[in-house]
Amino acid sequence: MRLILFVLVRVVAVVLMAGALAWFAERRLDRAAEAKSFTAVARVPAVDVALVLGTAPIGPEGGPNRYFVYRLDAAAALYKAGKAKYFIVSGTREGRFDEPTAMRDGLVERGVPAAVIYRDFGGDRTLDSIVRARRVYGQTRLIVVSQRFHLSRALFLALHEGIEAWGFEARDVDQPYSIFTELRRYPSAMRAYWDVWNGMRAPEAGKPVRIGVDPAE
């Protein structure tokens, strides 16, 4: 009985410690992003390229994913304000959805020309999207578009990839889809630190693409 109690106490202690570390990591990233993340389009520096981070176009309840919709709204606002000339829409096309194509189509519906939208199909993770923006698309200055909780780690990764980046905050959802959606930011923050400590390792970059020179298709 004492052995079982001892093991149980140790397990609880490890879980609590991991939770505290994850919370601290997320808070630290969020504070670091404050100076370079904006909600007003007028405050965003004008650059050539904005990177829109991917998510599924359809939410778990079967309707439009609000995270997806709000990111595209924010990206279109950048274009209309003259803050970005080109876009990299980065996501995955494995599984149910082709995220980059859905993002491109959504931006076109919002008035952004297809010719300025480059689809990156290698953005399986935030790390991949950031690394590929530098190593495939040759970008050293970027606006990154996503919700604040996502931007904090994206900007952290961009800094360690040698990219001068700013965040443009898409509207957050009023009600998260699930407790998992809300809590996943904490282990994701710890993973961002691990990615940096592990040398920013990402899958094979692929053939370079010259934005504004090579055609978007």
N, C-alpha and C. Protein backbone atom coordinates (compact mmCIF):
# COMPACT_ATOMS: atom_id res chain seq x y z
N MET A 1 0.82 -1.20 0.00
CA MET A 1 0.00 0.00 0.00
C MET A 1 0.86 1.26 0.00
N ARG A 2 1.92 1.25 0.83
CA ARG A 2 2.82 2.41 0.88
C ARG A 2 3.52 2.62 -0.45
N LEU A 3 3.89 1.53 -1.11
CA LEU A 3 4.56 1.64 -2.41
C LEU A 3 3.62 2.26 -3.45
N ILE A 4 2.38 1.82 -3.46
CA ILE A 4 1.40 2.38 -4.40
C ILE A 4 1.21 3.87 -4.14
N LEU A 5 1.09 4.24 -2.85
CA LEU A 5 0.92 5.64 -2.50
C LEU A 5 2.14 6.46 -2.91
N PHE A 6 3.33 5.90 -2.70
CA PHE A 6 4.56 6.59 -3.08
C PHE A 6 4.61 6.84 -4.59
N VAL A 7 4.29 5.80 -5.37
CA VAL A 7 4.29 5.94 -6.83
C VAL A 7 3.26 6.96 -7.26
N LEU A 8 2.08 6.92 -6.67
CA LEU A 8 1.02 7.87 -7.02
C LEU A 8 1.45 9.30 -6.74
N VAL A 9 2.07 9.53 -5.60
CA VAL A 9 2.55 10.88 -5.25
C VAL A 9 3.60 11.34 -6.24
N ARG A 10 4.51 10.44 -6.62
CA ARG A 10 5.55 10.81 -7.59
C ARG A 10 4.95 11.15 -8.96
N VAL A 11 3.96 10.39 -9.39
CA VAL A 11 3.31 10.65 -10.67
C VAL A 11 2.61 12.00 -10.64
N VAL A 12 1.88 12.27 -9.58
CA VAL A 12 1.18 13.55 -9.45
C VAL A 12 2.18 14.71 -9.44
N ALA A 13 3.30 14.52 -8.74
CA ALA A 13 4.32 15.57 -8.68
C ALA A 13 4.91 15.85 -10.05
N VAL A 14 5.17 14.81 -10.83
CA VAL A 14 5.72 14.98 -12.17
C VAL A 14 4.72 15.69 -13.07
N VAL A 15 3.46 15.30 -12.99
CA VAL A 15 2.42 15.93 -13.80
C VAL A 15 2.29 17.41 -13.47
N LEU A 16 2.28 17.72 -12.17
CA LEU A 16 2.17 19.12 -11.75
C LEU A 16 3.39 19.93 -12.19
N MET A 17 4.56 19.33 -12.10
CA MET A 17 5.77 20.04 -12.52
C MET A 17 5.75 20.29 -14.03
N ALA A 18 5.34 19.29 -14.80
CA ALA A 18 5.25 19.47 -16.25
C ALA A 18 4.24 20.55 -16.61
N GLY A 19 3.11 20.54 -15.91
CA GLY A 19 2.10 21.57 -16.16
C GLY A 19 2.61 22.97 -15.84
N ALA A 20 3.33 23.09 -14.73
CA ALA A 20 3.88 24.40 -14.36
C ALA A 20 4.92 24.87 -15.37
N LEU A 21 5.75 23.97 -15.83
CA LEU A 21 6.75 24.34 -16.84
C LEU A 21 6.08 24.77 -18.15
N ALA A 22 5.05 24.06 -18.56
CA ALA A 22 4.35 24.40 -19.78
C ALA A 22 3.68 25.77 -19.66
N TRP A 23 3.06 26.02 -18.50
CA TRP A 23 2.42 27.33 -18.27
C TRP A 23 3.46 28.44 -18.32
N PHE A 24 4.60 28.24 -17.66
CA PHE A 24 5.66 29.25 -17.65
C PHE A 24 6.19 29.49 -19.06
N ALA A 25 6.38 28.44 -19.83
CA ALA A 25 6.89 28.58 -21.20
C ALA A 25 5.93 29.40 -22.04
N GLU A 26 4.64 29.11 -21.93
CA GLU A 26 3.65 29.84 -22.73
C GLU A 26 3.59 31.31 -22.33
N ARG A 27 3.62 31.59 -21.02
CA ARG A 27 3.57 32.98 -20.54
C ARG A 27 4.81 33.74 -20.99
N ARG A 28 5.95 33.10 -20.97
CA ARG A 28 7.19 33.76 -21.37
C ARG A 28 7.16 34.11 -22.86
N LEU A 29 6.69 33.19 -23.69
CA LEU A 29 6.57 33.47 -25.12
C LEU A 29 5.59 34.60 -25.38
N ASP A 30 4.48 34.59 -24.65
CA ASP A 30 3.47 35.62 -24.85
C ASP A 30 4.01 37.00 -24.50
N ARG A 31 4.71 37.10 -23.41
CA ARG A 31 5.29 38.40 -23.02
C ARG A 31 6.33 38.87 -24.04
N ALA A 32 7.13 37.93 -24.54
CA ALA A 32 8.15 38.29 -25.52
C ALA A 32 7.54 38.80 -26.82
N ALA A 33 6.34 38.34 -27.15
CA ALA A 33 5.69 38.71 -28.41
C ALA A 33 4.99 40.06 -28.34
N GLU A 34 4.80 40.60 -27.15
CA GLU A 34 4.00 41.81 -27.00
C GLU A 34 4.49 42.98 -27.85
N ALA A 35 5.79 43.18 -27.89
CA ALA A 35 6.34 44.35 -28.58
C ALA A 35 6.27 44.22 -30.10
N LYS A 36 6.09 43.01 -30.63
CA LYS A 36 6.15 42.81 -32.08
C LYS A 36 4.86 42.20 -32.64
N SER A 37 3.80 42.24 -31.87
CA SER A 37 2.53 41.68 -32.30
C SER A 37 1.46 42.75 -32.20
N PHE A 38 0.70 42.93 -33.28
CA PHE A 38 -0.22 44.07 -33.37
C PHE A 38 -1.64 43.61 -33.70
N THR A 39 -2.60 44.36 -33.17
CA THR A 39 -4.01 44.12 -33.52
C THR A 39 -4.52 45.14 -34.52
N ALA A 40 -3.86 46.29 -34.63
CA ALA A 40 -4.27 47.35 -35.56
C ALA A 40 -3.41 47.29 -36.80
N VAL A 41 -4.04 47.20 -37.96
CA VAL A 41 -3.28 47.06 -39.20
C VAL A 41 -2.38 48.27 -39.45
N ALA A 42 -2.78 49.45 -38.98
CA ALA A 42 -2.00 50.66 -39.21
C ALA A 42 -0.64 50.59 -38.51
N ARG A 43 -0.51 49.79 -37.48
CA ARG A 43 0.74 49.71 -36.72
C ARG A 43 1.71 48.67 -37.30
N VAL A 44 1.24 47.87 -38.22
CA VAL A 44 2.07 46.79 -38.76
C VAL A 44 3.06 47.37 -39.77
N PRO A 45 4.35 47.04 -39.67
CA PRO A 45 5.31 47.52 -40.67
C PRO A 45 4.97 46.97 -42.06
N ALA A 46 5.25 47.73 -43.08
CA ALA A 46 5.03 47.27 -44.46
C ALA A 46 6.22 46.41 -44.88
N VAL A 47 5.94 45.21 -45.35
CA VAL A 47 6.98 44.30 -45.85
C VAL A 47 6.51 43.72 -47.17
N ASP A 48 7.37 42.97 -47.81
CA ASP A 48 6.98 42.36 -49.08
C ASP A 48 6.06 41.16 -48.89
N VAL A 49 6.33 40.37 -47.84
CA VAL A 49 5.67 39.06 -47.73
C VAL A 49 5.06 38.87 -46.34
N ALA A 50 3.85 38.33 -46.34
CA ALA A 50 3.21 37.89 -45.10
C ALA A 50 3.03 36.38 -45.14
N LEU A 51 3.24 35.75 -44.00
CA LEU A 51 3.08 34.32 -43.86
C LEU A 51 1.81 34.05 -43.07
N VAL A 52 0.87 33.33 -43.69
CA VAL A 52 -0.39 32.98 -43.03
C VAL A 52 -0.28 31.53 -42.58
N LEU A 53 -0.38 31.30 -41.28
CA LEU A 53 -0.22 29.96 -40.74
C LEU A 53 -1.53 29.18 -40.87
N GLY A 54 -1.39 27.93 -41.24
CA GLY A 54 -2.55 27.14 -41.63
C GLY A 54 -3.31 26.52 -40.48
N THR A 55 -4.56 26.22 -40.76
CA THR A 55 -5.42 25.43 -39.92
C THR A 55 -6.52 24.88 -40.81
N ALA A 56 -7.26 23.90 -40.32
CA ALA A 56 -8.29 23.28 -41.14
C ALA A 56 -9.40 24.28 -41.47
N PRO A 57 -9.92 24.28 -42.69
CA PRO A 57 -10.99 25.20 -43.06
C PRO A 57 -12.33 24.87 -42.41
N ILE A 58 -12.51 23.61 -42.02
CA ILE A 58 -13.77 23.19 -41.41
C ILE A 58 -13.53 22.86 -39.95
N GLY A 59 -14.39 23.40 -39.08
CA GLY A 59 -14.25 23.16 -37.65
C GLY A 59 -14.81 21.81 -37.24
N PRO A 60 -14.59 21.42 -35.99
CA PRO A 60 -15.04 20.10 -35.52
C PRO A 60 -16.54 19.92 -35.52
N GLU A 61 -17.31 21.01 -35.51
CA GLU A 61 -18.77 20.89 -35.52
C GLU A 61 -19.32 20.80 -36.94
N GLY A 62 -18.42 20.90 -37.95
CA GLY A 62 -18.83 20.74 -39.33
C GLY A 62 -19.02 22.03 -40.10
N GLY A 63 -18.99 23.16 -39.42
CA GLY A 63 -19.11 24.46 -40.09
C GLY A 63 -17.75 25.07 -40.33
N PRO A 64 -17.70 26.29 -40.89
CA PRO A 64 -16.42 26.96 -41.12
C PRO A 64 -15.63 27.11 -39.82
N ASN A 65 -14.35 26.82 -39.88
CA ASN A 65 -13.47 26.97 -38.73
C ASN A 65 -13.22 28.46 -38.51
N ARG A 66 -13.62 28.97 -37.37
CA ARG A 66 -13.50 30.41 -37.11
C ARG A 66 -12.04 30.85 -37.04
N TYR A 67 -11.16 30.00 -36.56
CA TYR A 67 -9.73 30.35 -36.57
C TYR A 67 -9.27 30.60 -38.01
N PHE A 68 -9.68 29.73 -38.90
CA PHE A 68 -9.34 29.83 -40.32
C PHE A 68 -9.93 31.11 -40.92
N VAL A 69 -11.20 31.36 -40.70
CA VAL A 69 -11.88 32.53 -41.27
C VAL A 69 -11.23 33.82 -40.79
N TYR A 70 -10.94 33.91 -39.50
CA TYR A 70 -10.38 35.15 -38.96
C TYR A 70 -8.95 35.39 -39.44
N ARG A 71 -8.19 34.32 -39.67
CA ARG A 71 -6.84 34.50 -40.21
C ARG A 71 -6.88 35.06 -41.63
N LEU A 72 -7.80 34.56 -42.43
CA LEU A 72 -7.91 35.07 -43.79
C LEU A 72 -8.42 36.51 -43.79
N ASP A 73 -9.34 36.83 -42.91
CA ASP A 73 -9.81 38.22 -42.79
C ASP A 73 -8.64 39.15 -42.47
N ALA A 74 -7.77 38.72 -41.55
CA ALA A 74 -6.63 39.54 -41.17
C ALA A 74 -5.64 39.68 -42.32
N ALA A 75 -5.38 38.60 -43.02
CA ALA A 75 -4.45 38.64 -44.16
C ALA A 75 -4.96 39.56 -45.25
N ALA A 76 -6.25 39.48 -45.56
CA ALA A 76 -6.83 40.36 -46.59
C ALA A 76 -6.75 41.81 -46.17
N ALA A 77 -6.90 42.08 -44.88
CA ALA A 77 -6.78 43.45 -44.38
C ALA A 77 -5.37 43.98 -44.60
N LEU A 78 -4.36 43.14 -44.42
CA LEU A 78 -2.98 43.55 -44.68
C LEU A 78 -2.80 43.95 -46.14
N TYR A 79 -3.34 43.14 -47.03
CA TYR A 79 -3.19 43.42 -48.46
C TYR A 79 -3.88 44.74 -48.83
N LYS A 80 -5.08 44.92 -48.36
CA LYS A 80 -5.84 46.12 -48.70
C LYS A 80 -5.21 47.38 -48.12
N ALA A 81 -4.49 47.23 -47.01
CA ALA A 81 -3.81 48.37 -46.39
C ALA A 81 -2.42 48.60 -46.98
N GLY A 82 -2.01 47.79 -47.92
CA GLY A 82 -0.68 47.94 -48.53
C GLY A 82 0.46 47.51 -47.63
N LYS A 83 0.17 46.64 -46.66
CA LYS A 83 1.21 46.20 -45.72
C LYS A 83 1.97 44.97 -46.21
N ALA A 84 1.41 44.25 -47.17
CA ALA A 84 2.07 43.07 -47.73
C ALA A 84 1.72 42.96 -49.20
N LYS A 85 2.72 42.65 -50.02
CA LYS A 85 2.51 42.50 -51.47
C LYS A 85 2.24 41.06 -51.86
N TYR A 86 2.84 40.13 -51.11
CA TYR A 86 2.71 38.71 -51.42
C TYR A 86 2.39 37.94 -50.15
N PHE A 87 1.85 36.74 -50.35
CA PHE A 87 1.50 35.89 -49.22
C PHE A 87 2.05 34.48 -49.43
N ILE A 88 2.54 33.91 -48.34
CA ILE A 88 2.80 32.48 -48.27
C ILE A 88 1.70 31.90 -47.38
N VAL A 89 0.88 31.02 -47.93
CA VAL A 89 -0.15 30.35 -47.12
C VAL A 89 0.38 28.95 -46.85
N SER A 90 0.70 28.69 -45.60
CA SER A 90 1.47 27.49 -45.24
C SER A 90 0.64 26.55 -44.39
N GLY A 91 0.52 25.32 -44.85
CA GLY A 91 -0.23 24.32 -44.10
C GLY A 91 0.05 22.95 -44.67
N THR A 92 -0.85 22.04 -44.42
CA THR A 92 -0.71 20.67 -44.89
C THR A 92 -1.86 20.30 -45.82
N ARG A 93 -1.63 19.35 -46.68
CA ARG A 93 -2.72 18.81 -47.49
C ARG A 93 -2.89 17.31 -47.25
N GLU A 94 -2.32 16.83 -46.16
CA GLU A 94 -2.52 15.45 -45.77
C GLU A 94 -3.79 15.36 -44.92
N GLY A 95 -4.46 14.22 -44.99
CA GLY A 95 -5.68 14.06 -44.23
C GLY A 95 -6.89 14.58 -45.00
N ARG A 96 -7.81 15.20 -44.30
CA ARG A 96 -9.10 15.56 -44.90
C ARG A 96 -9.03 16.80 -45.78
N PHE A 97 -8.11 17.73 -45.50
CA PHE A 97 -8.17 19.03 -46.14
C PHE A 97 -6.84 19.41 -46.80
N ASP A 98 -6.95 20.21 -47.83
CA ASP A 98 -5.81 20.87 -48.47
C ASP A 98 -5.81 22.31 -47.94
N GLU A 99 -5.10 22.53 -46.84
CA GLU A 99 -5.16 23.82 -46.17
C GLU A 99 -4.64 24.97 -47.03
N PRO A 100 -3.46 24.84 -47.69
CA PRO A 100 -2.98 25.97 -48.48
C PRO A 100 -3.92 26.36 -49.62
N THR A 101 -4.51 25.39 -50.30
CA THR A 101 -5.42 25.72 -51.38
C THR A 101 -6.68 26.37 -50.84
N ALA A 102 -7.19 25.87 -49.72
CA ALA A 102 -8.37 26.49 -49.11
C ALA A 102 -8.07 27.92 -48.68
N MET A 103 -6.87 28.16 -48.17
CA MET A 103 -6.49 29.53 -47.77
C MET A 103 -6.38 30.43 -48.99
N ARG A 104 -5.74 29.93 -50.04
CA ARG A 104 -5.64 30.74 -51.26
C ARG A 104 -7.02 31.10 -51.79
N ASP A 105 -7.90 30.12 -51.87
CA ASP A 105 -9.24 30.38 -52.40
C ASP A 105 -9.99 31.38 -51.53
N GLY A 106 -9.81 31.26 -50.22
CA GLY A 106 -10.46 32.20 -49.31
C GLY A 106 -9.94 33.61 -49.46
N LEU A 107 -8.64 33.76 -49.69
CA LEU A 107 -8.06 35.09 -49.90
C LEU A 107 -8.54 35.68 -51.23
N VAL A 108 -8.63 34.85 -52.25
CA VAL A 108 -9.13 35.33 -53.54
C VAL A 108 -10.56 35.84 -53.38
N GLU A 109 -11.37 35.14 -52.62
CA GLU A 109 -12.74 35.59 -52.36
C GLU A 109 -12.76 36.94 -51.65
N ARG A 110 -11.69 37.24 -50.91
CA ARG A 110 -11.61 38.49 -50.17
C ARG A 110 -10.90 39.59 -50.96
N GLY A 111 -10.61 39.35 -52.22
CA GLY A 111 -10.06 40.39 -53.09
C GLY A 111 -8.57 40.36 -53.28
N VAL A 112 -7.88 39.31 -52.81
CA VAL A 112 -6.44 39.21 -53.00
C VAL A 112 -6.18 38.42 -54.29
N PRO A 113 -5.37 38.94 -55.22
CA PRO A 113 -5.13 38.22 -56.48
C PRO A 113 -4.41 36.89 -56.24
N ALA A 114 -4.83 35.87 -56.97
CA ALA A 114 -4.20 34.56 -56.84
C ALA A 114 -2.72 34.61 -57.19
N ALA A 115 -2.33 35.52 -58.07
CA ALA A 115 -0.94 35.60 -58.53
C ALA A 115 0.03 36.02 -57.44
N VAL A 116 -0.46 36.55 -56.32
CA VAL A 116 0.44 36.97 -55.25
C VAL A 116 0.40 36.00 -54.07
N ILE A 117 -0.26 34.87 -54.24
CA ILE A 117 -0.44 33.92 -53.14
C ILE A 117 0.34 32.64 -53.44
N TYR A 118 1.35 32.35 -52.64
CA TYR A 118 2.18 31.17 -52.81
C TYR A 118 1.76 30.10 -51.80
N ARG A 119 1.44 28.94 -52.30
CA ARG A 119 1.00 27.84 -51.43
C ARG A 119 2.20 27.00 -50.98
N ASP A 120 2.36 26.88 -49.68
CA ASP A 120 3.40 26.04 -49.10
C ASP A 120 2.74 24.81 -48.50
N PHE A 121 2.93 23.67 -49.15
CA PHE A 121 2.30 22.43 -48.70
C PHE A 121 3.12 21.70 -47.65
N GLY A 122 4.25 22.28 -47.24
CA GLY A 122 5.12 21.63 -46.26
C GLY A 122 4.95 22.14 -44.85
N GLY A 123 3.90 22.92 -44.61
CA GLY A 123 3.73 23.50 -43.29
C GLY A 123 2.95 22.61 -42.35
N ASP A 124 3.47 21.42 -42.09
CA ASP A 124 2.78 20.50 -41.19
C ASP A 124 2.76 21.01 -39.75
N ARG A 125 3.80 21.75 -39.39
CA ARG A 125 3.90 22.33 -38.05
C ARG A 125 4.31 23.79 -38.18
N THR A 126 4.14 24.54 -37.09
CA THR A 126 4.58 25.93 -37.08
C THR A 126 6.06 26.02 -37.40
N LEU A 127 6.85 25.13 -36.82
CA LEU A 127 8.29 25.10 -37.09
C LEU A 127 8.55 24.98 -38.59
N ASP A 128 7.86 24.06 -39.25
CA ASP A 128 8.07 23.84 -40.68
C ASP A 128 7.75 25.10 -41.48
N SER A 129 6.65 25.75 -41.14
CA SER A 129 6.25 26.96 -41.87
C SER A 129 7.29 28.05 -41.75
N ILE A 130 7.82 28.24 -40.54
CA ILE A 130 8.82 29.28 -40.31
C ILE A 130 10.13 28.94 -41.01
N VAL A 131 10.60 27.72 -40.84
CA VAL A 131 11.87 27.32 -41.45
C VAL A 131 11.79 27.40 -42.97
N ARG A 132 10.69 26.95 -43.54
CA ARG A 132 10.55 26.96 -44.99
C ARG A 132 10.42 28.40 -45.54
N ALA A 133 9.83 29.29 -44.76
CA ALA A 133 9.76 30.68 -45.20
C ALA A 133 11.14 31.26 -45.44
N ARG A 134 12.10 30.83 -44.64
CA ARG A 134 13.49 31.30 -44.80
C ARG A 134 14.26 30.47 -45.83
N ARG A 135 14.19 29.14 -45.70
CA ARG A 135 15.09 28.27 -46.47
C ARG A 135 14.55 27.94 -47.87
N VAL A 136 13.24 27.98 -48.05
CA VAL A 136 12.66 27.73 -49.38
C VAL A 136 12.31 29.05 -50.07
N TYR A 137 11.66 29.93 -49.33
CA TYR A 137 11.15 31.17 -49.94
C TYR A 137 12.09 32.36 -49.75
N GLY A 138 13.18 32.17 -49.05
CA GLY A 138 14.22 33.18 -48.98
C GLY A 138 13.87 34.44 -48.21
N GLN A 139 12.94 34.36 -47.27
CA GLN A 139 12.48 35.56 -46.58
C GLN A 139 13.22 35.77 -45.26
N THR A 140 13.68 36.99 -45.07
CA THR A 140 14.32 37.37 -43.81
C THR A 140 13.53 38.44 -43.06
N ARG A 141 12.46 38.94 -43.68
CA ARG A 141 11.54 39.89 -43.03
C ARG A 141 10.13 39.44 -43.36
N LEU A 142 9.29 39.29 -42.34
CA LEU A 142 7.96 38.73 -42.54
C LEU A 142 6.95 39.35 -41.58
N ILE A 143 5.72 39.41 -42.03
CA ILE A 143 4.59 39.54 -41.12
C ILE A 143 3.99 38.14 -41.01
N VAL A 144 3.76 37.70 -39.79
CA VAL A 144 3.13 36.40 -39.56
C VAL A 144 1.70 36.64 -39.11
N VAL A 145 0.77 35.92 -39.71
CA VAL A 145 -0.66 36.11 -39.42
C VAL A 145 -1.22 34.87 -38.73
N SER A 146 -1.76 35.06 -37.54
CA SER A 146 -2.47 34.00 -36.83
C SER A 146 -3.08 34.62 -35.57
N GLN A 147 -3.67 33.79 -34.73
CA GLN A 147 -4.15 34.27 -33.44
C GLN A 147 -2.96 34.46 -32.50
N ARG A 148 -3.16 35.29 -31.48
CA ARG A 148 -2.06 35.67 -30.59
C ARG A 148 -1.36 34.47 -29.96
N PHE A 149 -2.13 33.50 -29.47
CA PHE A 149 -1.50 32.36 -28.79
C PHE A 149 -0.58 31.60 -29.73
N HIS A 150 -0.87 31.64 -31.03
CA HIS A 150 -0.06 30.96 -32.04
C HIS A 150 1.11 31.85 -32.45
N LEU A 151 0.87 33.14 -32.55
CA LEU A 151 1.92 34.07 -32.97
C LEU A 151 3.08 34.08 -31.99
N SER A 152 2.80 33.93 -30.71
CA SER A 152 3.87 34.04 -29.72
C SER A 152 4.98 33.02 -29.99
N ARG A 153 4.61 31.78 -30.28
CA ARG A 153 5.66 30.80 -30.55
C ARG A 153 6.20 30.93 -31.98
N ALA A 154 5.37 31.37 -32.92
CA ALA A 154 5.85 31.58 -34.29
C ALA A 154 6.92 32.66 -34.33
N LEU A 155 6.71 33.75 -33.61
CA LEU A 155 7.70 34.83 -33.58
C LEU A 155 8.98 34.38 -32.88
N PHE A 156 8.84 33.57 -31.86
CA PHE A 156 10.00 33.02 -31.16
C PHE A 156 10.83 32.14 -32.11
N LEU A 157 10.16 31.29 -32.85
CA LEU A 157 10.86 30.43 -33.80
C LEU A 157 11.49 31.25 -34.92
N ALA A 158 10.78 32.28 -35.39
CA ALA A 158 11.32 33.13 -36.46
C ALA A 158 12.60 33.83 -36.01
N LEU A 159 12.60 34.31 -34.78
CA LEU A 159 13.80 34.96 -34.25
C LEU A 159 15.00 34.04 -34.31
N HIS A 160 14.81 32.78 -33.94
CA HIS A 160 15.91 31.83 -33.90
C HIS A 160 16.23 31.25 -35.28
N GLU A 161 15.39 31.54 -36.26
CA GLU A 161 15.68 31.15 -37.64
C GLU A 161 16.34 32.30 -38.40
N GLY A 162 16.55 33.44 -37.74
CA GLY A 162 17.19 34.58 -38.37
C GLY A 162 16.24 35.42 -39.19
N ILE A 163 14.96 35.40 -38.86
CA ILE A 163 13.95 36.18 -39.57
C ILE A 163 13.50 37.34 -38.68
N GLU A 164 13.50 38.54 -39.23
CA GLU A 164 12.91 39.67 -38.54
C GLU A 164 11.41 39.62 -38.81
N ALA A 165 10.64 39.34 -37.79
CA ALA A 165 9.21 39.08 -37.99
C ALA A 165 8.36 39.91 -37.03
N TRP A 166 7.19 40.25 -37.53
CA TRP A 166 6.15 40.89 -36.74
C TRP A 166 4.89 40.06 -36.85
N GLY A 167 4.05 40.15 -35.84
CA GLY A 167 2.81 39.40 -35.86
C GLY A 167 1.62 40.31 -36.06
N PHE A 168 0.70 39.90 -36.90
CA PHE A 168 -0.58 40.58 -37.03
C PHE A 168 -1.63 39.63 -36.48
N GLU A 169 -2.27 40.06 -35.40
CA GLU A 169 -3.18 39.18 -34.67
C GLU A 169 -4.54 39.09 -35.35
N ALA A 170 -4.87 37.89 -35.78
CA ALA A 170 -6.23 37.63 -36.22
C ALA A 170 -7.14 37.60 -35.00
N ARG A 171 -8.39 37.90 -35.22
CA ARG A 171 -9.37 37.84 -34.13
C ARG A 171 -9.37 36.44 -33.53
N ASP A 172 -9.42 36.36 -32.22
CA ASP A 172 -9.53 35.07 -31.56
C ASP A 172 -11.00 34.66 -31.51
N VAL A 173 -11.24 33.38 -31.31
CA VAL A 173 -12.62 32.92 -31.24
C VAL A 173 -13.19 33.27 -29.87
N ASP A 174 -14.48 33.53 -29.82
CA ASP A 174 -15.13 33.88 -28.56
C ASP A 174 -15.22 32.68 -27.62
N GLN A 175 -15.41 31.51 -28.20
CA GLN A 175 -15.55 30.28 -27.42
C GLN A 175 -14.73 29.19 -28.06
N PRO A 176 -13.65 28.71 -27.40
CA PRO A 176 -12.86 27.62 -27.99
C PRO A 176 -13.73 26.41 -28.28
N TYR A 177 -13.34 25.64 -29.28
CA TYR A 177 -14.12 24.47 -29.67
C TYR A 177 -14.13 23.40 -28.58
N SER A 178 -13.03 23.31 -27.83
CA SER A 178 -12.96 22.31 -26.76
C SER A 178 -11.88 22.73 -25.78
N ILE A 179 -11.85 22.06 -24.64
CA ILE A 179 -10.81 22.35 -23.67
C ILE A 179 -9.44 21.98 -24.23
N PHE A 180 -9.40 20.97 -25.11
CA PHE A 180 -8.14 20.60 -25.74
C PHE A 180 -7.60 21.75 -26.60
N THR A 181 -8.51 22.40 -27.35
CA THR A 181 -8.10 23.54 -28.18
C THR A 181 -7.47 24.63 -27.33
N GLU A 182 -8.04 24.84 -26.15
CA GLU A 182 -7.54 25.89 -25.27
C GLU A 182 -6.22 25.51 -24.61
N LEU A 183 -6.08 24.26 -24.23
CA LEU A 183 -4.91 23.84 -23.45
C LEU A 183 -3.70 23.47 -24.30
N ARG A 184 -3.91 23.19 -25.58
CA ARG A 184 -2.79 22.70 -26.39
C ARG A 184 -1.68 23.73 -26.56
N ARG A 185 -2.01 25.02 -26.31
CA ARG A 185 -0.97 26.05 -26.45
C ARG A 185 0.17 25.85 -25.46
N TYR A 186 -0.09 25.20 -24.32
CA TYR A 186 0.94 25.07 -23.29
C TYR A 186 1.99 24.02 -23.66
N PRO A 187 1.62 22.80 -24.01
CA PRO A 187 2.67 21.89 -24.49
C PRO A 187 3.30 22.35 -25.80
N SER A 188 2.53 23.08 -26.64
CA SER A 188 3.11 23.60 -27.88
C SER A 188 4.20 24.61 -27.59
N ALA A 189 4.02 25.41 -26.54
CA ALA A 189 5.06 26.38 -26.15
C ALA A 189 6.33 25.64 -25.72
N MET A 190 6.17 24.58 -24.94
CA MET A 190 7.35 23.81 -24.53
C MET A 190 8.03 23.18 -25.75
N ARG A 191 7.24 22.76 -26.70
CA ARG A 191 7.81 22.15 -27.90
C ARG A 191 8.60 23.17 -28.71
N ALA A 192 8.14 24.44 -28.70
CA ALA A 192 8.88 25.48 -29.41
C ALA A 192 10.27 25.65 -28.81
N TYR A 193 10.36 25.63 -27.48
CA TYR A 193 11.67 25.71 -26.84
C TYR A 193 12.52 24.49 -27.20
N TRP A 194 11.90 23.32 -27.22
CA TRP A 194 12.63 22.12 -27.59
C TRP A 194 13.15 22.22 -29.02
N ASP A 195 12.32 22.74 -29.93
CA ASP A 195 12.75 22.88 -31.32
C ASP A 195 13.98 23.77 -31.44
N VAL A 196 14.00 24.85 -30.68
CA VAL A 196 15.16 25.74 -30.70
C VAL A 196 16.38 25.04 -30.10
N TRP A 197 16.20 24.41 -28.97
CA TRP A 197 17.32 23.70 -28.33
C TRP A 197 17.82 22.57 -29.22
N ASN A 198 16.94 22.02 -30.04
CA ASN A 198 17.29 20.90 -30.89
C ASN A 198 17.83 21.34 -32.25
N GLY A 199 18.05 22.65 -32.42
CA GLY A 199 18.66 23.14 -33.64
C GLY A 199 17.72 23.46 -34.77
N MET A 200 16.44 23.71 -34.48
CA MET A 200 15.46 24.09 -35.51
C MET A 200 15.43 23.06 -36.64
N ARG A 201 15.37 21.81 -36.29
CA ARG A 201 15.35 20.74 -37.30
C ARG A 201 13.96 20.64 -37.93
N ALA A 202 13.94 20.63 -39.23
CA ALA A 202 12.70 20.51 -39.98
C ALA A 202 12.93 19.57 -41.14
N PRO A 203 11.86 19.07 -41.78
CA PRO A 203 12.04 18.19 -42.94
C PRO A 203 12.82 18.88 -44.06
N GLU A 204 13.23 18.10 -45.02
CA GLU A 204 13.98 18.62 -46.17
C GLU A 204 13.28 19.84 -46.76
N ALA A 205 14.05 20.90 -46.96
CA ALA A 205 13.45 22.18 -47.38
C ALA A 205 12.82 22.11 -48.76
N GLY A 206 13.55 21.57 -49.74
CA GLY A 206 13.00 21.51 -51.09
C GLY A 206 13.57 22.60 -51.99
N LYS A 207 13.05 22.65 -53.21
CA LYS A 207 13.54 23.57 -54.23
C LYS A 207 13.21 25.02 -53.85
N PRO A 208 14.19 25.94 -53.96
CA PRO A 208 13.92 27.35 -53.64
C PRO A 208 12.85 27.96 -54.55
N VAL A 209 12.07 28.84 -53.98
CA VAL A 209 11.04 29.58 -54.72
C VAL A 209 11.32 31.07 -54.53
N ARG A 210 11.40 31.81 -55.66
CA ARG A 210 11.67 33.25 -55.59
C ARG A 210 10.34 33.98 -55.69
N ILE A 211 9.91 34.50 -54.57
CA ILE A 211 8.62 35.20 -54.53
C ILE A 211 8.71 36.48 -55.37
N GLY A 212 7.70 36.67 -56.21
CA GLY A 212 7.67 37.82 -57.09
C GLY A 212 8.39 37.59 -58.40
N VAL A 213 9.13 36.49 -58.50
CA VAL A 213 9.83 36.13 -59.74
C VAL A 213 9.24 34.84 -60.31
N ASP A 214 9.28 33.79 -59.49
CA ASP A 214 8.65 32.53 -59.89
C ASP A 214 7.13 32.68 -59.78
N PRO A 215 6.39 32.06 -60.68
CA PRO A 215 4.92 32.17 -60.60
C PRO A 215 4.39 31.47 -59.36
N ALA A 216 3.29 31.99 -58.84
CA ALA A 216 2.71 31.45 -57.62
C ALA A 216 2.21 30.03 -57.80
N GLU A 217 1.85 29.65 -58.99
CA GLU A 217 1.36 28.29 -59.24
C GLU A 217 2.50 27.33 -59.48
